Amino acid sequence: MAGDAYDTIKRFWEIQDGGDYAPLAALFADDAQVVDPVYGTFTGGTEIAGFFTKMNVEMGKIGATFRLVDMAGDDETAWAQWEVTTTDGRPPRQGVGVYRVSDGRLTYYKDYMNA
């Protein structure tokens, strides 16, 4: 069943597919939290914007490209299965993002990656 969270995460992936992570910050509520398994936890608009700016640099260094494999969601929660490939010789990695949305804005986002 699609809903507000599903639509928001669909937009998230449309932006991410453009290769510039910085605009993703606008999708988050002012008190949102992002939990990344590599870079840590970021709370609030300023920290989240900084994280996505850092992602532009770090993902650019390794030539990372994310691909959405599957997603589902309703009005409040969504998940997305993804795969990332790089140009630095690493094998592709898979993961899942878990998202919470309120009033069309992300309030929580956490990624899990396969080892």
N, C-alpha and C. Protein backbone atom coordinates (compact mmCIF):
# COMPACT_ATOMS: atom_id res chain seq x y z
N MET A 1 0.84 -1.18 0.00
CA MET A 1 0.00 0.00 0.00
C MET A 1 0.88 1.24 0.00
N ALA A 2 0.74 2.07 -0.98
CA ALA A 2 1.52 3.30 -1.06
C ALA A 2 0.86 4.38 -0.21
N GLY A 3 1.64 5.34 0.20
CA GLY A 3 1.14 6.44 1.01
C GLY A 3 2.18 7.54 1.09
N ASP A 4 2.05 8.39 2.09
CA ASP A 4 2.92 9.55 2.25
C ASP A 4 4.39 9.15 2.37
N ALA A 5 4.68 8.14 3.20
CA ALA A 5 6.07 7.71 3.37
C ALA A 5 6.61 7.13 2.06
N TYR A 6 5.81 6.32 1.42
CA TYR A 6 6.22 5.74 0.14
C TYR A 6 6.55 6.84 -0.87
N ASP A 7 5.67 7.82 -0.99
CA ASP A 7 5.89 8.91 -1.95
C ASP A 7 7.14 9.72 -1.61
N THR A 8 7.37 9.94 -0.32
CA THR A 8 8.56 10.69 0.11
C THR A 8 9.83 9.94 -0.21
N ILE A 9 9.84 8.63 0.04
CA ILE A 9 11.04 7.83 -0.24
C ILE A 9 11.24 7.67 -1.74
N LYS A 10 10.19 7.60 -2.48
CA LYS A 10 10.32 7.57 -3.94
C LYS A 10 11.03 8.84 -4.41
N ARG A 11 10.63 9.99 -3.85
CA ARG A 11 11.29 11.26 -4.18
C ARG A 11 12.75 11.24 -3.73
N PHE A 12 13.02 10.68 -2.55
CA PHE A 12 14.38 10.54 -2.03
C PHE A 12 15.27 9.84 -3.06
N TRP A 13 14.77 8.73 -3.60
CA TRP A 13 15.56 7.97 -4.56
C TRP A 13 15.69 8.69 -5.89
N GLU A 14 14.68 9.42 -6.30
CA GLU A 14 14.79 10.21 -7.54
C GLU A 14 15.91 11.25 -7.40
N ILE A 15 15.98 11.89 -6.24
CA ILE A 15 17.05 12.88 -6.01
C ILE A 15 18.40 12.18 -5.95
N GLN A 16 18.49 11.10 -5.19
CA GLN A 16 19.77 10.39 -5.05
C GLN A 16 20.27 9.88 -6.40
N ASP A 17 19.36 9.42 -7.25
CA ASP A 17 19.76 8.93 -8.57
C ASP A 17 20.40 10.02 -9.41
N GLY A 18 20.14 11.28 -9.08
CA GLY A 18 20.76 12.39 -9.79
C GLY A 18 22.23 12.57 -9.45
N GLY A 19 22.72 11.89 -8.40
CA GLY A 19 24.13 11.92 -8.06
C GLY A 19 24.55 13.04 -7.13
N ASP A 20 23.63 13.92 -6.74
CA ASP A 20 23.95 15.00 -5.80
C ASP A 20 23.13 14.76 -4.55
N TYR A 21 23.80 14.41 -3.46
CA TYR A 21 23.12 14.05 -2.21
C TYR A 21 22.63 15.26 -1.43
N ALA A 22 23.25 16.43 -1.61
CA ALA A 22 22.93 17.61 -0.80
C ALA A 22 21.44 17.97 -0.82
N PRO A 23 20.73 17.92 -1.96
CA PRO A 23 19.30 18.27 -1.94
C PRO A 23 18.43 17.34 -1.10
N LEU A 24 18.94 16.17 -0.72
CA LEU A 24 18.17 15.26 0.12
C LEU A 24 17.84 15.88 1.47
N ALA A 25 18.70 16.76 1.96
CA ALA A 25 18.50 17.35 3.29
C ALA A 25 17.16 18.07 3.39
N ALA A 26 16.67 18.62 2.29
CA ALA A 26 15.40 19.35 2.31
C ALA A 26 14.21 18.44 2.58
N LEU A 27 14.37 17.14 2.43
CA LEU A 27 13.28 16.20 2.69
C LEU A 27 13.09 15.89 4.17
N PHE A 28 14.03 16.34 5.00
CA PHE A 28 14.03 15.97 6.42
C PHE A 28 13.42 17.05 7.29
N ALA A 29 12.70 16.61 8.33
CA ALA A 29 12.18 17.53 9.34
C ALA A 29 13.34 18.14 10.12
N ASP A 30 13.10 19.28 10.75
CA ASP A 30 14.16 19.99 11.47
C ASP A 30 14.78 19.19 12.61
N ASP A 31 14.00 18.27 13.19
CA ASP A 31 14.51 17.47 14.32
C ASP A 31 14.75 16.01 13.93
N ALA A 32 14.89 15.75 12.65
CA ALA A 32 15.07 14.38 12.15
C ALA A 32 16.40 13.80 12.60
N GLN A 33 16.51 12.48 12.43
CA GLN A 33 17.75 11.77 12.74
C GLN A 33 18.09 10.84 11.59
N VAL A 34 19.37 10.86 11.20
CA VAL A 34 19.90 9.95 10.19
C VAL A 34 20.97 9.10 10.87
N VAL A 35 20.87 7.78 10.70
CA VAL A 35 21.86 6.86 11.27
C VAL A 35 22.51 6.12 10.12
N ASP A 36 23.79 6.36 9.94
CA ASP A 36 24.55 5.73 8.86
C ASP A 36 25.55 4.75 9.48
N PRO A 37 25.63 3.51 8.96
CA PRO A 37 26.51 2.51 9.58
C PRO A 37 28.00 2.83 9.44
N VAL A 38 28.37 3.72 8.55
CA VAL A 38 29.77 4.07 8.35
C VAL A 38 30.12 5.39 9.03
N TYR A 39 29.29 6.41 8.84
CA TYR A 39 29.64 7.76 9.26
C TYR A 39 29.00 8.22 10.57
N GLY A 40 28.05 7.46 11.12
CA GLY A 40 27.51 7.79 12.42
C GLY A 40 26.09 8.33 12.39
N THR A 41 25.72 9.01 13.47
CA THR A 41 24.37 9.53 13.66
C THR A 41 24.37 11.05 13.54
N PHE A 42 23.38 11.56 12.82
CA PHE A 42 23.25 12.99 12.57
C PHE A 42 21.84 13.42 12.95
N THR A 43 21.74 14.44 13.79
CA THR A 43 20.45 14.90 14.28
C THR A 43 20.27 16.38 13.94
N GLY A 44 19.10 16.69 13.37
CA GLY A 44 18.78 18.07 13.05
C GLY A 44 19.23 18.47 11.66
N GLY A 45 18.61 19.51 11.15
CA GLY A 45 18.84 19.94 9.79
C GLY A 45 20.28 20.26 9.43
N THR A 46 20.99 20.95 10.33
CA THR A 46 22.37 21.35 10.03
C THR A 46 23.28 20.14 9.93
N GLU A 47 23.17 19.21 10.88
CA GLU A 47 24.01 18.01 10.84
C GLU A 47 23.67 17.14 9.64
N ILE A 48 22.39 17.00 9.34
CA ILE A 48 21.97 16.16 8.21
C ILE A 48 22.45 16.77 6.90
N ALA A 49 22.33 18.08 6.75
CA ALA A 49 22.83 18.74 5.54
C ALA A 49 24.34 18.53 5.41
N GLY A 50 25.06 18.62 6.51
CA GLY A 50 26.50 18.38 6.49
C GLY A 50 26.84 16.96 6.09
N PHE A 51 26.07 16.01 6.59
CA PHE A 51 26.28 14.61 6.23
C PHE A 51 26.10 14.40 4.73
N PHE A 52 25.03 14.92 4.15
CA PHE A 52 24.81 14.71 2.72
C PHE A 52 25.84 15.45 1.86
N THR A 53 26.33 16.57 2.33
CA THR A 53 27.43 17.25 1.63
C THR A 53 28.68 16.37 1.68
N LYS A 54 28.94 15.77 2.84
CA LYS A 54 30.08 14.85 2.98
C LYS A 54 29.91 13.64 2.06
N MET A 55 28.69 13.15 1.93
CA MET A 55 28.43 12.01 1.05
C MET A 55 28.82 12.33 -0.40
N ASN A 56 28.57 13.55 -0.85
CA ASN A 56 28.99 13.94 -2.20
C ASN A 56 30.48 13.74 -2.38
N VAL A 57 31.26 14.14 -1.39
CA VAL A 57 32.71 14.03 -1.47
C VAL A 57 33.14 12.57 -1.38
N GLU A 58 32.68 11.88 -0.35
CA GLU A 58 33.13 10.51 -0.10
C GLU A 58 32.69 9.54 -1.19
N MET A 59 31.45 9.63 -1.64
CA MET A 59 30.97 8.74 -2.69
C MET A 59 31.63 9.08 -4.03
N GLY A 60 31.95 10.34 -4.23
CA GLY A 60 32.68 10.74 -5.44
C GLY A 60 34.07 10.14 -5.50
N LYS A 61 34.74 10.02 -4.35
CA LYS A 61 36.09 9.45 -4.29
C LYS A 61 36.13 8.01 -4.78
N ILE A 62 35.07 7.25 -4.52
CA ILE A 62 35.05 5.83 -4.88
C ILE A 62 34.15 5.54 -6.07
N GLY A 63 33.60 6.57 -6.67
CA GLY A 63 32.74 6.39 -7.83
C GLY A 63 31.50 5.57 -7.52
N ALA A 64 30.89 5.84 -6.38
CA ALA A 64 29.74 5.05 -5.93
C ALA A 64 28.48 5.39 -6.71
N THR A 65 27.74 4.34 -7.06
CA THR A 65 26.43 4.48 -7.68
C THR A 65 25.47 3.57 -6.94
N PHE A 66 24.39 4.17 -6.44
CA PHE A 66 23.37 3.40 -5.74
C PHE A 66 22.26 3.04 -6.71
N ARG A 67 21.72 1.83 -6.50
CA ARG A 67 20.61 1.37 -7.33
C ARG A 67 19.51 0.86 -6.42
N LEU A 68 18.31 1.37 -6.61
CA LEU A 68 17.15 0.91 -5.86
C LEU A 68 16.73 -0.45 -6.39
N VAL A 69 16.66 -1.44 -5.50
CA VAL A 69 16.27 -2.80 -5.87
C VAL A 69 14.77 -2.99 -5.66
N ASP A 70 14.28 -2.54 -4.50
CA ASP A 70 12.86 -2.72 -4.17
C ASP A 70 12.51 -1.73 -3.07
N MET A 71 11.26 -1.36 -2.99
CA MET A 71 10.82 -0.50 -1.89
C MET A 71 9.33 -0.70 -1.64
N ALA A 72 8.93 -0.38 -0.43
CA ALA A 72 7.52 -0.44 -0.05
C ALA A 72 7.30 0.53 1.09
N GLY A 73 6.07 0.93 1.26
CA GLY A 73 5.77 1.84 2.36
C GLY A 73 4.31 2.18 2.43
N ASP A 74 3.96 2.87 3.50
CA ASP A 74 2.60 3.34 3.68
C ASP A 74 2.65 4.82 4.02
N ASP A 75 1.78 5.30 4.89
CA ASP A 75 1.78 6.72 5.23
C ASP A 75 2.88 7.13 6.20
N GLU A 76 3.34 6.21 7.05
CA GLU A 76 4.28 6.58 8.11
C GLU A 76 5.65 5.93 8.00
N THR A 77 5.75 4.76 7.41
CA THR A 77 7.03 4.07 7.33
C THR A 77 7.26 3.53 5.92
N ALA A 78 8.54 3.36 5.61
CA ALA A 78 8.91 2.78 4.33
C ALA A 78 10.26 2.11 4.49
N TRP A 79 10.56 1.24 3.55
CA TRP A 79 11.88 0.63 3.48
C TRP A 79 12.30 0.56 2.02
N ALA A 80 13.60 0.53 1.80
CA ALA A 80 14.14 0.42 0.45
C ALA A 80 15.35 -0.50 0.48
N GLN A 81 15.34 -1.50 -0.38
CA GLN A 81 16.50 -2.36 -0.57
C GLN A 81 17.33 -1.73 -1.68
N TRP A 82 18.65 -1.65 -1.48
CA TRP A 82 19.51 -1.01 -2.46
C TRP A 82 20.81 -1.79 -2.65
N GLU A 83 21.51 -1.42 -3.70
CA GLU A 83 22.83 -1.97 -3.99
C GLU A 83 23.74 -0.82 -4.40
N VAL A 84 24.96 -0.86 -3.95
CA VAL A 84 25.92 0.17 -4.33
C VAL A 84 27.10 -0.50 -5.05
N THR A 85 27.48 0.08 -6.16
CA THR A 85 28.68 -0.34 -6.88
C THR A 85 29.65 0.82 -6.87
N THR A 86 30.94 0.49 -6.97
CA THR A 86 31.98 1.52 -6.96
C THR A 86 32.97 1.25 -8.09
N THR A 87 33.76 2.25 -8.39
CA THR A 87 34.78 2.10 -9.43
C THR A 87 36.15 1.78 -8.84
N ASP A 88 36.23 1.53 -7.55
CA ASP A 88 37.52 1.27 -6.91
C ASP A 88 37.82 -0.22 -6.73
N GLY A 89 37.06 -1.08 -7.39
CA GLY A 89 37.35 -2.51 -7.35
C GLY A 89 36.65 -3.28 -6.25
N ARG A 90 35.91 -2.62 -5.41
CA ARG A 90 35.17 -3.34 -4.36
C ARG A 90 33.99 -4.07 -4.99
N PRO A 91 33.63 -5.23 -4.43
CA PRO A 91 32.42 -5.91 -4.94
C PRO A 91 31.19 -5.11 -4.56
N PRO A 92 30.10 -5.26 -5.31
CA PRO A 92 28.86 -4.56 -4.96
C PRO A 92 28.41 -4.93 -3.54
N ARG A 93 27.81 -3.97 -2.85
CA ARG A 93 27.27 -4.21 -1.50
C ARG A 93 25.78 -3.94 -1.51
N GLN A 94 25.06 -4.69 -0.72
CA GLN A 94 23.63 -4.50 -0.61
C GLN A 94 23.27 -4.01 0.78
N GLY A 95 22.15 -3.33 0.86
CA GLY A 95 21.67 -2.85 2.14
C GLY A 95 20.19 -2.52 2.09
N VAL A 96 19.71 -2.05 3.22
CA VAL A 96 18.30 -1.67 3.35
C VAL A 96 18.25 -0.37 4.15
N GLY A 97 17.43 0.56 3.68
CA GLY A 97 17.14 1.77 4.43
C GLY A 97 15.75 1.66 5.05
N VAL A 98 15.64 2.11 6.29
CA VAL A 98 14.36 2.14 7.00
C VAL A 98 14.04 3.61 7.26
N TYR A 99 12.82 4.00 6.93
CA TYR A 99 12.45 5.42 6.98
C TYR A 99 11.16 5.62 7.75
N ARG A 100 11.08 6.73 8.48
CA ARG A 100 9.85 7.15 9.13
C ARG A 100 9.53 8.55 8.62
N VAL A 101 8.25 8.81 8.31
CA VAL A 101 7.83 10.07 7.71
C VAL A 101 6.63 10.62 8.47
N SER A 102 6.61 11.93 8.65
CA SER A 102 5.47 12.61 9.25
C SER A 102 5.22 13.89 8.47
N ASP A 103 4.00 14.11 8.06
CA ASP A 103 3.64 15.31 7.30
C ASP A 103 4.52 15.52 6.07
N GLY A 104 4.86 14.44 5.40
CA GLY A 104 5.63 14.52 4.17
C GLY A 104 7.12 14.77 4.34
N ARG A 105 7.60 14.74 5.58
CA ARG A 105 9.03 14.96 5.82
C ARG A 105 9.62 13.79 6.61
N LEU A 106 10.81 13.43 6.25
CA LEU A 106 11.49 12.34 6.94
C LEU A 106 11.82 12.76 8.37
N THR A 107 11.52 11.87 9.32
CA THR A 107 11.88 12.12 10.71
C THR A 107 12.96 11.16 11.18
N TYR A 108 13.15 10.06 10.45
CA TYR A 108 14.15 9.05 10.84
C TYR A 108 14.55 8.28 9.60
N TYR A 109 15.85 8.03 9.48
CA TYR A 109 16.39 7.22 8.38
C TYR A 109 17.60 6.47 8.90
N LYS A 110 17.58 5.16 8.75
CA LYS A 110 18.70 4.33 9.16
C LYS A 110 19.00 3.32 8.06
N ASP A 111 20.28 3.21 7.70
CA ASP A 111 20.73 2.23 6.72
C ASP A 111 21.37 1.04 7.43
N TYR A 112 21.14 -0.13 6.85
CA TYR A 112 21.79 -1.38 7.28
C TYR A 112 22.46 -1.94 6.05
N MET A 113 23.72 -2.41 6.19
CA MET A 113 24.46 -2.96 5.06
C MET A 113 24.88 -4.38 5.35
N ASN A 114 24.89 -5.20 4.30
CA ASN A 114 25.46 -6.54 4.41
C ASN A 114 26.97 -6.43 4.53
N ALA A 115 27.53 -7.29 5.32
CA ALA A 115 28.99 -7.29 5.52
C ALA A 115 29.70 -7.73 4.25
